[in-house]
Amino acid sequence: MAGEVVIYWRPGCPFCWRLRRALRRRRLPTREVNIWTDPEAAAVVRSIADGNETVPTVVVGDIAMVNPRPSEVIAAVRSRAPELLDRAAASARWRIAFRRPSR
């Protein structure tokens, strides 16, 4: 789907954990798919990663990336689904606006 970020991951993968955490901190909406529980997802990853189940694999529109840095994912979103960055920014503004005052 053009307007979404799909992260293919597997449990125990430290690279997956770091990428997912970084994108969550940026409040970027993603769809996360565990390749160990979804055989079709594993097949997608193999088709992208030359027959390997290398994760994280990220798809943004027609851009597929294997083990990307967060900045590479953001750049792909900026070019293929900029509305997701607008949503992420709006989410961050809402959180700041309703933050409890410190004592």
PDB file of N, CA and C in Angstrom:
ATOM      1  N   MET A   1       0.843  -1.182   0.000  1.00  0.00           N
ATOM      2  CA  MET A   1       0.000   0.000   0.000  1.00  0.00           C
ATOM      3  C   MET A   1       0.885   1.242   0.000  1.00  0.00           C
ATOM      4  N   ALA A   2       0.569   2.213  -0.832  1.00  0.00           N
ATOM      5  CA  ALA A   2       1.417   3.378  -1.023  1.00  0.00           C
ATOM      6  C   ALA A   2       1.534   4.243   0.224  1.00  0.00           C
ATOM      7  N   GLY A   3       0.464   4.420   0.969  1.00  0.00           N
ATOM      8  CA  GLY A   3       0.473   5.329   2.104  1.00  0.00           C
ATOM      9  C   GLY A   3       0.791   4.677   3.424  1.00  0.00           C
ATOM     10  N   GLU A   4       1.649   3.666   3.437  1.00  0.00           N
ATOM     11  CA  GLU A   4       2.010   3.056   4.713  1.00  0.00           C
ATOM     12  C   GLU A   4       3.457   2.589   4.708  1.00  0.00           C
ATOM     13  N   VAL A   5       3.977   2.444   5.908  1.00  0.00           N
ATOM     14  CA  VAL A   5       5.320   1.919   6.116  1.00  0.00           C
ATOM     15  C   VAL A   5       5.151   0.526   6.704  1.00  0.00           C
ATOM     16  N   VAL A   6       5.686  -0.477   6.014  1.00  0.00           N
ATOM     17  CA  VAL A   6       5.592  -1.855   6.497  1.00  0.00           C
ATOM     18  C   VAL A   6       6.985  -2.292   6.936  1.00  0.00           C
ATOM     19  N   ILE A   7       7.072  -2.721   8.187  1.00  0.00           N
ATOM     20  CA  ILE A   7       8.338  -3.216   8.730  1.00  0.00           C
ATOM     21  C   ILE A   7       8.203  -4.719   8.925  1.00  0.00           C
ATOM     22  N   TYR A   8       9.008  -5.470   8.202  1.00  0.00           N
ATOM     23  CA  TYR A   8       9.070  -6.920   8.386  1.00  0.00           C
ATOM     24  C   TYR A   8      10.175  -7.180   9.401  1.00  0.00           C
ATOM     25  N   TRP A   9       9.856  -7.921  10.447  1.00  0.00           N
ATOM     26  CA  TRP A   9      10.781  -8.144  11.552  1.00  0.00           C
ATOM     27  C   TRP A   9      10.633  -9.565  12.077  1.00  0.00           C
ATOM     28  N   ARG A  10      11.469  -9.911  13.048  1.00  0.00           N
ATOM     29  CA  ARG A  10      11.341 -11.193  13.750  1.00  0.00           C
ATOM     30  C   ARG A  10      11.786 -10.992  15.192  1.00  0.00           C
ATOM     31  N   PRO A  11      11.254 -11.785  16.106  1.00  0.00           N
ATOM     32  CA  PRO A  11      11.654 -11.677  17.509  1.00  0.00           C
ATOM     33  C   PRO A  11      13.150 -11.948  17.682  1.00  0.00           C
ATOM     34  N   GLY A  12      13.750 -11.231  18.616  1.00  0.00           N
ATOM     35  CA  GLY A  12      15.157 -11.434  18.927  1.00  0.00           C
ATOM     36  C   GLY A  12      16.123 -10.691  18.024  1.00  0.00           C
ATOM     37  N   CYS A  13      15.626  -9.962  17.054  1.00  0.00           N
ATOM     38  CA  CYS A  13      16.490  -9.229  16.122  1.00  0.00           C
ATOM     39  C   CYS A  13      16.804  -7.847  16.706  1.00  0.00           C
ATOM     40  N   PRO A  14      18.061  -7.604  17.104  1.00  0.00           N
ATOM     41  CA  PRO A  14      18.387  -6.305  17.699  1.00  0.00           C
ATOM     42  C   PRO A  14      18.281  -5.152  16.703  1.00  0.00           C
ATOM     43  N   PHE A  15      18.537  -5.416  15.435  1.00  0.00           N
ATOM     44  CA  PHE A  15      18.429  -4.368  14.420  1.00  0.00           C
ATOM     45  C   PHE A  15      16.969  -3.954  14.239  1.00  0.00           C
ATOM     46  N   CYS A  16      16.088  -4.943  14.282  1.00  0.00           N
ATOM     47  CA  CYS A  16      14.646  -4.676  14.187  1.00  0.00           C
ATOM     48  C   CYS A  16      14.196  -3.836  15.370  1.00  0.00           C
ATOM     49  N   TRP A  17      14.637  -4.230  16.552  1.00  0.00           N
ATOM     50  CA  TRP A  17      14.243  -3.523  17.765  1.00  0.00           C
ATOM     51  C   TRP A  17      14.664  -2.059  17.692  1.00  0.00           C
ATOM     52  N   ARG A  18      15.907  -1.805  17.282  1.00  0.00           N
ATOM     53  CA  ARG A  18      16.413  -0.426  17.201  1.00  0.00           C
ATOM     54  C   ARG A  18      15.634   0.401  16.189  1.00  0.00           C
ATOM     55  N   LEU A  19      15.372  -0.173  15.027  1.00  0.00           N
ATOM     56  CA  LEU A  19      14.650   0.571  13.996  1.00  0.00           C
ATOM     57  C   LEU A  19      13.222   0.865  14.443  1.00  0.00           C
ATOM     58  N   ARG A  20      12.536  -0.139  14.961  1.00  0.00           N
ATOM     59  CA  ARG A  20      11.151   0.051  15.408  1.00  0.00           C
ATOM     60  C   ARG A  20      11.081   1.102  16.510  1.00  0.00           C
ATOM     61  N   ARG A  21      12.027   1.052  17.426  1.00  0.00           N
ATOM     62  CA  ARG A  21      12.064   2.031  18.519  1.00  0.00           C
ATOM     63  C   ARG A  21      12.290   3.441  17.980  1.00  0.00           C
ATOM     64  N   ALA A  22      13.229   3.596  17.066  1.00  0.00           N
ATOM     65  CA  ALA A  22      13.526   4.918  16.504  1.00  0.00           C
ATOM     66  C   ALA A  22      12.319   5.493  15.766  1.00  0.00           C
ATOM     67  N   LEU A  23      11.619   4.655  15.014  1.00  0.00           N
ATOM     68  CA  LEU A  23      10.455   5.146  14.269  1.00  0.00           C
ATOM     69  C   LEU A  23       9.287   5.444  15.209  1.00  0.00           C
ATOM     70  N   ARG A  24       9.145   4.674  16.272  1.00  0.00           N
ATOM     71  CA  ARG A  24       8.101   4.975  17.273  1.00  0.00           C
ATOM     72  C   ARG A  24       8.375   6.311  17.938  1.00  0.00           C
ATOM     73  N   ARG A  25       9.637   6.573  18.252  1.00  0.00           N
ATOM     74  CA  ARG A  25       9.992   7.858  18.874  1.00  0.00           C
ATOM     75  C   ARG A  25       9.643   9.027  17.959  1.00  0.00           C
ATOM     76  N   ARG A  26       9.727   8.807  16.679  1.00  0.00           N
ATOM     77  CA  ARG A  26       9.360   9.853  15.717  1.00  0.00           C
ATOM     78  C   ARG A  26       7.852   9.862  15.444  1.00  0.00           C
ATOM     79  N   ARG A  27       7.136   8.957  16.106  1.00  0.00           N
ATOM     80  CA  ARG A  27       5.683   8.824  15.984  1.00  0.00           C
ATOM     81  C   ARG A  27       5.234   8.517  14.552  1.00  0.00           C
ATOM     82  N   LEU A  28       6.089   7.844  13.807  1.00  0.00           N
ATOM     83  CA  LEU A  28       5.748   7.466  12.442  1.00  0.00           C
ATOM     84  C   LEU A  28       4.839   6.241  12.475  1.00  0.00           C
ATOM     85  N   PRO A  29       3.640   6.332  11.895  1.00  0.00           N
ATOM     86  CA  PRO A  29       2.757   5.159  11.893  1.00  0.00           C
ATOM     87  C   PRO A  29       3.320   4.065  10.986  1.00  0.00           C
ATOM     88  N   THR A  30       3.369   2.850  11.510  1.00  0.00           N
ATOM     89  CA  THR A  30       3.899   1.718  10.748  1.00  0.00           C
ATOM     90  C   THR A  30       2.988   0.507  10.925  1.00  0.00           C
ATOM     91  N   ARG A  31       3.148  -0.432  10.007  1.00  0.00           N
ATOM     92  CA  ARG A  31       2.517  -1.746  10.164  1.00  0.00           C
ATOM     93  C   ARG A  31       3.665  -2.729  10.308  1.00  0.00           C
ATOM     94  N   GLU A  32       3.697  -3.428  11.430  1.00  0.00           N
ATOM     95  CA  GLU A  32       4.796  -4.346  11.718  1.00  0.00           C
ATOM     96  C   GLU A  32       4.335  -5.780  11.499  1.00  0.00           C
ATOM     97  N   VAL A  33       5.132  -6.535  10.728  1.00  0.00           N
ATOM     98  CA  VAL A  33       4.768  -7.907  10.374  1.00  0.00           C
ATOM     99  C   VAL A  33       5.892  -8.849  10.795  1.00  0.00           C
ATOM    100  N   ASN A  34       5.552  -9.804  11.651  1.00  0.00           N
ATOM    101  CA  ASN A  34       6.507 -10.794  12.144  1.00  0.00           C
ATOM    102  C   ASN A  34       6.637 -11.903  11.095  1.00  0.00           C
ATOM    103  N   ILE A  35       7.827 -12.055  10.521  1.00  0.00           N
ATOM    104  CA  ILE A  35       8.000 -13.051   9.454  1.00  0.00           C
ATOM    105  C   ILE A  35       8.001 -14.480   9.980  1.00  0.00           C
ATOM    106  N   TRP A  36       8.138 -14.668  11.285  1.00  0.00           N
ATOM    107  CA  TRP A  36       8.101 -16.023  11.840  1.00  0.00           C
ATOM    108  C   TRP A  36       6.683 -16.532  12.016  1.00  0.00           C
ATOM    109  N   THR A  37       5.717 -15.634  12.054  1.00  0.00           N
ATOM    110  CA  THR A  37       4.323 -16.066  12.208  1.00  0.00           C
ATOM    111  C   THR A  37       3.513 -15.885  10.936  1.00  0.00           C
ATOM    112  N   ASP A  38       4.106 -15.272   9.921  1.00  0.00           N
ATOM    113  CA  ASP A  38       3.398 -15.005   8.671  1.00  0.00           C
ATOM    114  C   ASP A  38       4.246 -15.495   7.491  1.00  0.00           C
ATOM    115  N   PRO A  39       3.965 -16.706   6.976  1.00  0.00           N
ATOM    116  CA  PRO A  39       4.762 -17.262   5.876  1.00  0.00           C
ATOM    117  C   PRO A  39       4.747 -16.398   4.612  1.00  0.00           C
ATOM    118  N   GLU A  40       3.631 -15.726   4.349  1.00  0.00           N
ATOM    119  CA  GLU A  40       3.574 -14.846   3.173  1.00  0.00           C
ATOM    120  C   GLU A  40       4.530 -13.666   3.340  1.00  0.00           C
ATOM    121  N   ALA A  41       4.620 -13.147   4.551  1.00  0.00           N
ATOM    122  CA  ALA A  41       5.549 -12.049   4.818  1.00  0.00           C
ATOM    123  C   ALA A  41       6.991 -12.515   4.643  1.00  0.00           C
ATOM    124  N   ALA A  42       7.284 -13.721   5.103  1.00  0.00           N
ATOM    125  CA  ALA A  42       8.633 -14.268   4.927  1.00  0.00           C
ATOM    126  C   ALA A  42       8.968 -14.386   3.441  1.00  0.00           C
ATOM    127  N   ALA A  43       7.987 -14.768   2.634  1.00  0.00           N
ATOM    128  CA  ALA A  43       8.201 -14.870   1.184  1.00  0.00           C
ATOM    129  C   ALA A  43       8.460 -13.495   0.575  1.00  0.00           C
ATOM    130  N   VAL A  44       7.756 -12.482   1.056  1.00  0.00           N
ATOM    131  CA  VAL A  44       7.981 -11.115   0.568  1.00  0.00           C
ATOM    132  C   VAL A  44       9.412 -10.693   0.875  1.00  0.00           C
ATOM    133  N   VAL A  45       9.850 -10.943   2.097  1.00  0.00           N
ATOM    134  CA  VAL A  45      11.212 -10.569   2.489  1.00  0.00           C
ATOM    135  C   VAL A  45      12.238 -11.305   1.631  1.00  0.00           C
ATOM    136  N   ARG A  46      12.039 -12.593   1.403  1.00  0.00           N
ATOM    137  CA  ARG A  46      12.976 -13.347   0.546  1.00  0.00           C
ATOM    138  C   ARG A  46      13.018 -12.774  -0.867  1.00  0.00           C
ATOM    139  N   SER A  47      11.873 -12.329  -1.376  1.00  0.00           N
ATOM    140  CA  SER A  47      11.851 -11.767  -2.737  1.00  0.00           C
ATOM    141  C   SER A  47      12.603 -10.439  -2.807  1.00  0.00           C
ATOM    142  N   ILE A  48      12.634  -9.716  -1.705  1.00  0.00           N
ATOM    143  CA  ILE A  48      13.332  -8.429  -1.664  1.00  0.00           C
ATOM    144  C   ILE A  48      14.817  -8.619  -1.377  1.00  0.00           C
ATOM    145  N   ALA A  49      15.150  -9.574  -0.500  1.00  0.00           N
ATOM    146  CA  ALA A  49      16.516  -9.732   0.013  1.00  0.00           C
ATOM    147  C   ALA A  49      17.270 -10.883  -0.652  1.00  0.00           C
ATOM    148  N   ASP A  50      17.086 -11.056  -1.935  1.00  0.00           N
ATOM    149  CA  ASP A  50      17.841 -12.058  -2.702  1.00  0.00           C
ATOM    150  C   ASP A  50      17.759 -13.463  -2.114  1.00  0.00           C
ATOM    151  N   GLY A  51      16.561 -13.858  -1.687  1.00  0.00           N
ATOM    152  CA  GLY A  51      16.354 -15.204  -1.181  1.00  0.00           C
ATOM    153  C   GLY A  51      16.623 -15.384   0.301  1.00  0.00           C
ATOM    154  N   ASN A  52      17.084 -14.339   0.960  1.00  0.00           N
ATOM    155  CA  ASN A  52      17.373 -14.407   2.396  1.00  0.00           C
ATOM    156  C   ASN A  52      16.227 -13.812   3.200  1.00  0.00           C
ATOM    157  N   GLU A  53      16.123 -14.217   4.447  1.00  0.00           N
ATOM    158  CA  GLU A  53      15.122 -13.637   5.345  1.00  0.00           C
ATOM    159  C   GLU A  53      15.797 -12.587   6.224  1.00  0.00           C
ATOM    160  N   THR A  54      16.383 -11.598   5.582  1.00  0.00           N
ATOM    161  CA  THR A  54      17.095 -10.543   6.286  1.00  0.00           C
ATOM    162  C   THR A  54      16.097  -9.505   6.787  1.00  0.00           C
ATOM    163  N   VAL A  55      16.162  -9.240   8.092  1.00  0.00           N
ATOM    164  CA  VAL A  55      15.295  -8.241   8.691  1.00  0.00           C
ATOM    165  C   VAL A  55      16.149  -7.284   9.522  1.00  0.00           C
ATOM    166  N   PRO A  56      15.678  -6.057   9.710  1.00  0.00           N
ATOM    167  CA  PRO A  56      14.410  -5.547   9.241  1.00  0.00           C
ATOM    168  C   PRO A  56      14.435  -5.254   7.741  1.00  0.00           C
ATOM    169  N   THR A  57      13.328  -5.538   7.125  1.00  0.00           N
ATOM    170  CA  THR A  57      13.085  -5.147   5.744  1.00  0.00           C
ATOM    171  C   THR A  57      11.898  -4.199   5.790  1.00  0.00           C
ATOM    172  N   VAL A  58      12.031  -3.062   5.133  1.00  0.00           N
ATOM    173  CA  VAL A  58      10.999  -2.029   5.185  1.00  0.00           C
ATOM    174  C   VAL A  58      10.528  -1.712   3.777  1.00  0.00           C
ATOM    175  N   VAL A  59       9.210  -1.581   3.631  1.00  0.00           N
ATOM    176  CA  VAL A  59       8.623  -1.210   2.344  1.00  0.00           C
ATOM    177  C   VAL A  59       7.812   0.068   2.539  1.00  0.00           C
ATOM    178  N   VAL A  60       8.119   1.063   1.701  1.00  0.00           N
ATOM    179  CA  VAL A  60       7.364   2.316   1.669  1.00  0.00           C
ATOM    180  C   VAL A  60       6.974   2.537   0.217  1.00  0.00           C
ATOM    181  N   GLY A  61       5.703   2.314  -0.098  1.00  0.00           N
ATOM    182  CA  GLY A  61       5.274   2.426  -1.489  1.00  0.00           C
ATOM    183  C   GLY A  61       6.032   1.434  -2.348  1.00  0.00           C
ATOM    184  N   ASP A  62       6.751   1.938  -3.354  1.00  0.00           N
ATOM    185  CA  ASP A  62       7.516   1.055  -4.239  1.00  0.00           C
ATOM    186  C   ASP A  62       8.997   0.975  -3.856  1.00  0.00           C
ATOM    187  N   ILE A  63       9.337   1.509  -2.690  1.00  0.00           N
ATOM    188  CA  ILE A  63      10.718   1.461  -2.206  1.00  0.00           C
ATOM    189  C   ILE A  63      10.839   0.353  -1.163  1.00  0.00           C
ATOM    190  N   ALA A  64      11.780  -0.558  -1.380  1.00  0.00           N
ATOM    191  CA  ALA A  64      12.051  -1.631  -0.418  1.00  0.00           C
ATOM    192  C   ALA A  64      13.489  -1.481   0.068  1.00  0.00           C
ATOM    193  N   MET A  65      13.672  -1.595   1.382  1.00  0.00           N
ATOM    194  CA  MET A  65      14.992  -1.412   1.983  1.00  0.00           C
ATOM    195  C   MET A  65      15.283  -2.567   2.930  1.00  0.00           C
ATOM    196  N   VAL A  66      16.509  -3.062   2.891  1.00  0.00           N
ATOM    197  CA  VAL A  66      16.932  -4.134   3.789  1.00  0.00           C
ATOM    198  C   VAL A  66      17.887  -3.537   4.819  1.00  0.00           C
ATOM    199  N   ASN A  67      17.534  -3.709   6.095  1.00  0.00           N
ATOM    200  CA  ASN A  67      18.304  -3.193   7.224  1.00  0.00           C
ATOM    201  C   ASN A  67      18.632  -1.705   7.074  1.00  0.00           C
ATOM    202  N   PRO A  68      17.603  -0.873   6.864  1.00  0.00           N
ATOM    203  CA  PRO A  68      17.859   0.555   6.668  1.00  0.00           C
ATOM    204  C   PRO A  68      18.084   1.291   7.983  1.00  0.00           C
ATOM    205  N   ARG A  69      18.737   2.439   7.887  1.00  0.00           N
ATOM    206  CA  ARG A  69      18.829   3.349   9.025  1.00  0.00           C
ATOM    207  C   ARG A  69      17.501   4.104   9.124  1.00  0.00           C
ATOM    208  N   PRO A  70      17.138   4.591  10.306  1.00  0.00           N
ATOM    209  CA  PRO A  70      15.896   5.365  10.428  1.00  0.00           C
ATOM    210  C   PRO A  70      15.843   6.543   9.455  1.00  0.00           C
ATOM    211  N   SER A  71      16.975   7.195   9.235  1.00  0.00           N
ATOM    212  CA  SER A  71      16.999   8.341   8.314  1.00  0.00           C
ATOM    213  C   SER A  71      16.651   7.920   6.888  1.00  0.00           C
ATOM    214  N   GLU A  72      17.022   6.715   6.493  1.00  0.00           N
ATOM    215  CA  GLU A  72      16.673   6.220   5.156  1.00  0.00           C
ATOM    216  C   GLU A  72      15.173   5.968   5.045  1.00  0.00           C
ATOM    217  N   VAL A  73      14.581   5.459   6.120  1.00  0.00           N
ATOM    218  CA  VAL A  73      13.132   5.229   6.115  1.00  0.00           C
ATOM    219  C   VAL A  73      12.406   6.566   6.038  1.00  0.00           C
ATOM    220  N   ILE A  74      12.846   7.541   6.827  1.00  0.00           N
ATOM    221  CA  ILE A  74      12.219   8.870   6.814  1.00  0.00           C
ATOM    222  C   ILE A  74      12.335   9.490   5.427  1.00  0.00           C
ATOM    223  N   ALA A  75      13.484   9.358   4.782  1.00  0.00           N
ATOM    224  CA  ALA A  75      13.658   9.902   3.428  1.00  0.00           C
ATOM    225  C   ALA A  75      12.698   9.239   2.447  1.00  0.00           C
ATOM    226  N   ALA A  76      12.516   7.933   2.563  1.00  0.00           N
ATOM    227  CA  ALA A  76      11.577   7.224   1.682  1.00  0.00           C
ATOM    228  C   ALA A  76      10.149   7.682   1.944  1.00  0.00           C
ATOM    229  N   VAL A  77       9.810   7.871   3.208  1.00  0.00           N
ATOM    230  CA  VAL A  77       8.461   8.352   3.545  1.00  0.00           C
ATOM    231  C   VAL A  77       8.265   9.758   2.996  1.00  0.00           C
ATOM    232  N   ARG A  78       9.276  10.585   3.129  1.00  0.00           N
ATOM    233  CA  ARG A  78       9.191  11.960   2.625  1.00  0.00           C
ATOM    234  C   ARG A  78       8.887  11.976   1.120  1.00  0.00           C
ATOM    235  N   SER A  79       9.452  11.027   0.374  1.00  0.00           N
ATOM    236  CA  SER A  79       9.241  11.023  -1.074  1.00  0.00           C
ATOM    237  C   SER A  79       8.003  10.244  -1.512  1.00  0.00           C
ATOM    238  N   ARG A  80       7.570   9.241  -0.731  1.00  0.00           N
ATOM    239  CA  ARG A  80       6.465   8.387  -1.177  1.00  0.00           C
ATOM    240  C   ARG A  80       5.171   8.538  -0.380  1.00  0.00           C
ATOM    241  N   ALA A  81       5.274   8.961   0.885  1.00  0.00           N
ATOM    242  CA  ALA A  81       4.069   9.065   1.726  1.00  0.00           C
ATOM    243  C   ALA A  81       4.221  10.208   2.731  1.00  0.00           C
ATOM    244  N   PRO A  82       4.408  11.446   2.244  1.00  0.00           N
ATOM    245  CA  PRO A  82       4.655  12.568   3.160  1.00  0.00           C
ATOM    246  C   PRO A  82       3.514  12.822   4.143  1.00  0.00           C
ATOM    247  N   GLU A  83       2.315  12.370   3.799  1.00  0.00           N
ATOM    248  CA  GLU A  83       1.183  12.561   4.716  1.00  0.00           C
ATOM    249  C   GLU A  83       1.414  11.848   6.046  1.00  0.00           C
ATOM    250  N   LEU A  84       2.214  10.788   6.043  1.00  0.00           N
ATOM    251  CA  LEU A  84       2.521  10.085   7.291  1.00  0.00           C
ATOM    252  C   LEU A  84       3.374  10.949   8.216  1.00  0.00           C
ATOM    253  N   LEU A  85       4.261  11.750   7.641  1.00  0.00           N
ATOM    254  CA  LEU A  85       5.068  12.654   8.459  1.00  0.00           C
ATOM    255  C   LEU A  85       4.194  13.754   9.043  1.00  0.00           C
ATOM    256  N   ASP A  86       3.193  14.212   8.271  1.00  0.00           N
ATOM    257  CA  ASP A  86       2.257  15.211   8.787  1.00  0.00           C
ATOM    258  C   ASP A  86       1.501  14.649   9.982  1.00  0.00           C
ATOM    259  N   ARG A  87       1.057  13.387   9.864  1.00  0.00           N
ATOM    260  CA  ARG A  87       0.348  12.741  10.974  1.00  0.00           C
ATOM    261  C   ARG A  87       1.250  12.597  12.191  1.00  0.00           C
ATOM    262  N   ALA A  88       2.503  12.230  11.947  1.00  0.00           N
ATOM    263  CA  ALA A  88       3.447  12.067  13.053  1.00  0.00           C
ATOM    264  C   ALA A  88       3.683  13.403  13.752  1.00  0.00           C
ATOM    265  N   ALA A  89       3.814  14.476  12.972  1.00  0.00           N
ATOM    266  CA  ALA A  89       4.020  15.802  13.553  1.00  0.00           C
ATOM    267  C   ALA A  89       2.797  16.239  14.348  1.00  0.00           C
ATOM    268  N   ALA A  90       1.612  15.977  13.828  1.00  0.00           N
ATOM    269  CA  ALA A  90       0.380  16.336  14.538  1.00  0.00           C
ATOM    270  C   ALA A  90       0.286  15.573  15.852  1.00  0.00           C
ATOM    271  N   SER A  91       0.666  14.324  15.847  1.00  0.00           N
ATOM    272  CA  SER A  91       0.644  13.512  17.061  1.00  0.00           C
ATOM    273  C   SER A  91       1.607  14.082  18.100  1.00  0.00           C
ATOM    274  N   ALA A  92       2.778  14.506  17.661  1.00  0.00           N
ATOM    275  CA  ALA A  92       3.761  15.077  18.579  1.00  0.00           C
ATOM    276  C   ALA A  92       3.256  16.397  19.143  1.00  0.00           C
ATOM    277  N   ARG A  93       2.629  17.237  18.311  1.00  0.00           N
ATOM    278  CA  ARG A  93       2.083  18.515  18.793  1.00  0.00           C
ATOM    279  C   ARG A  93       1.003  18.276  19.834  1.00  0.00           C
ATOM    280  N   TRP A  94       0.139  17.287  19.584  1.00  0.00           N
ATOM    281  CA  TRP A  94      -0.930  16.989  20.533  1.00  0.00           C
ATOM    282  C   TRP A  94      -0.337  16.589  21.874  1.00  0.00           C
ATOM    283  N   ARG A  95       0.686  15.783  21.849  1.00  0.00           N
ATOM    284  CA  ARG A  95       1.296  15.315  23.097  1.00  0.00           C
ATOM    285  C   ARG A  95       1.919  16.478  23.856  1.00  0.00           C
ATOM    286  N   ILE A  96       2.567  17.390  23.153  1.00  0.00           N
ATOM    287  CA  ILE A  96       3.177  18.549  23.806  1.00  0.00           C
ATOM    288  C   ILE A  96       2.094  19.456  24.375  1.00  0.00           C
ATOM    289  N   ALA A  97       1.020  19.674  23.627  1.00  0.00           N
ATOM    290  CA  ALA A  97      -0.047  20.572  24.063  1.00  0.00           C
ATOM    291  C   ALA A  97      -0.727  20.079  25.331  1.00  0.00           C
ATOM    292  N   PHE A  98      -0.809  18.777  25.511  1.00  0.00           N
ATOM    293  CA  PHE A  98      -1.527  18.236  26.653  1.00  0.00           C
ATOM    294  C   PHE A  98      -0.607  17.624  27.711  1.00  0.00           C
ATOM    295  N   ARG A  99       0.639  17.999  27.686  1.00  0.00           N
ATOM    296  CA  ARG A  99       1.584  17.503  28.682  1.00  0.00           C
ATOM    297  C   ARG A  99       1.237  18.103  30.045  1.00  0.00           C
ATOM    298  N   ARG A 100       1.342  17.295  31.074  1.00  0.00           N
ATOM    299  CA  ARG A 100       1.081  17.785  32.431  1.00  0.00           C
ATOM    300  C   ARG A 100       2.192  18.739  32.852  1.00  0.00           C
ATOM    301  N   PRO A 101       1.811  19.780  33.552  1.00  0.00           N
ATOM    302  CA  PRO A 101       2.854  20.711  34.013  1.00  0.00           C
ATOM    303  C   PRO A 101       3.758  20.034  35.041  1.00  0.00           C
ATOM    304  N   SER A 102       5.026  20.387  35.014  1.00  0.00           N
ATOM    305  CA  SER A 102       5.950  19.812  35.994  1.00  0.00           C
ATOM    306  C   SER A 102       5.769  20.527  37.324  1.00  0.00           C
ATOM    307  N   ARG A 103       6.079  19.837  38.385  1.00  0.00           N
ATOM    308  CA  ARG A 103       5.873  20.417  39.737  1.00  0.00           C
ATOM    309  C   ARG A 103       7.124  21.038  40.261  1.00  0.00           C
TER     310      ARG A 103
END
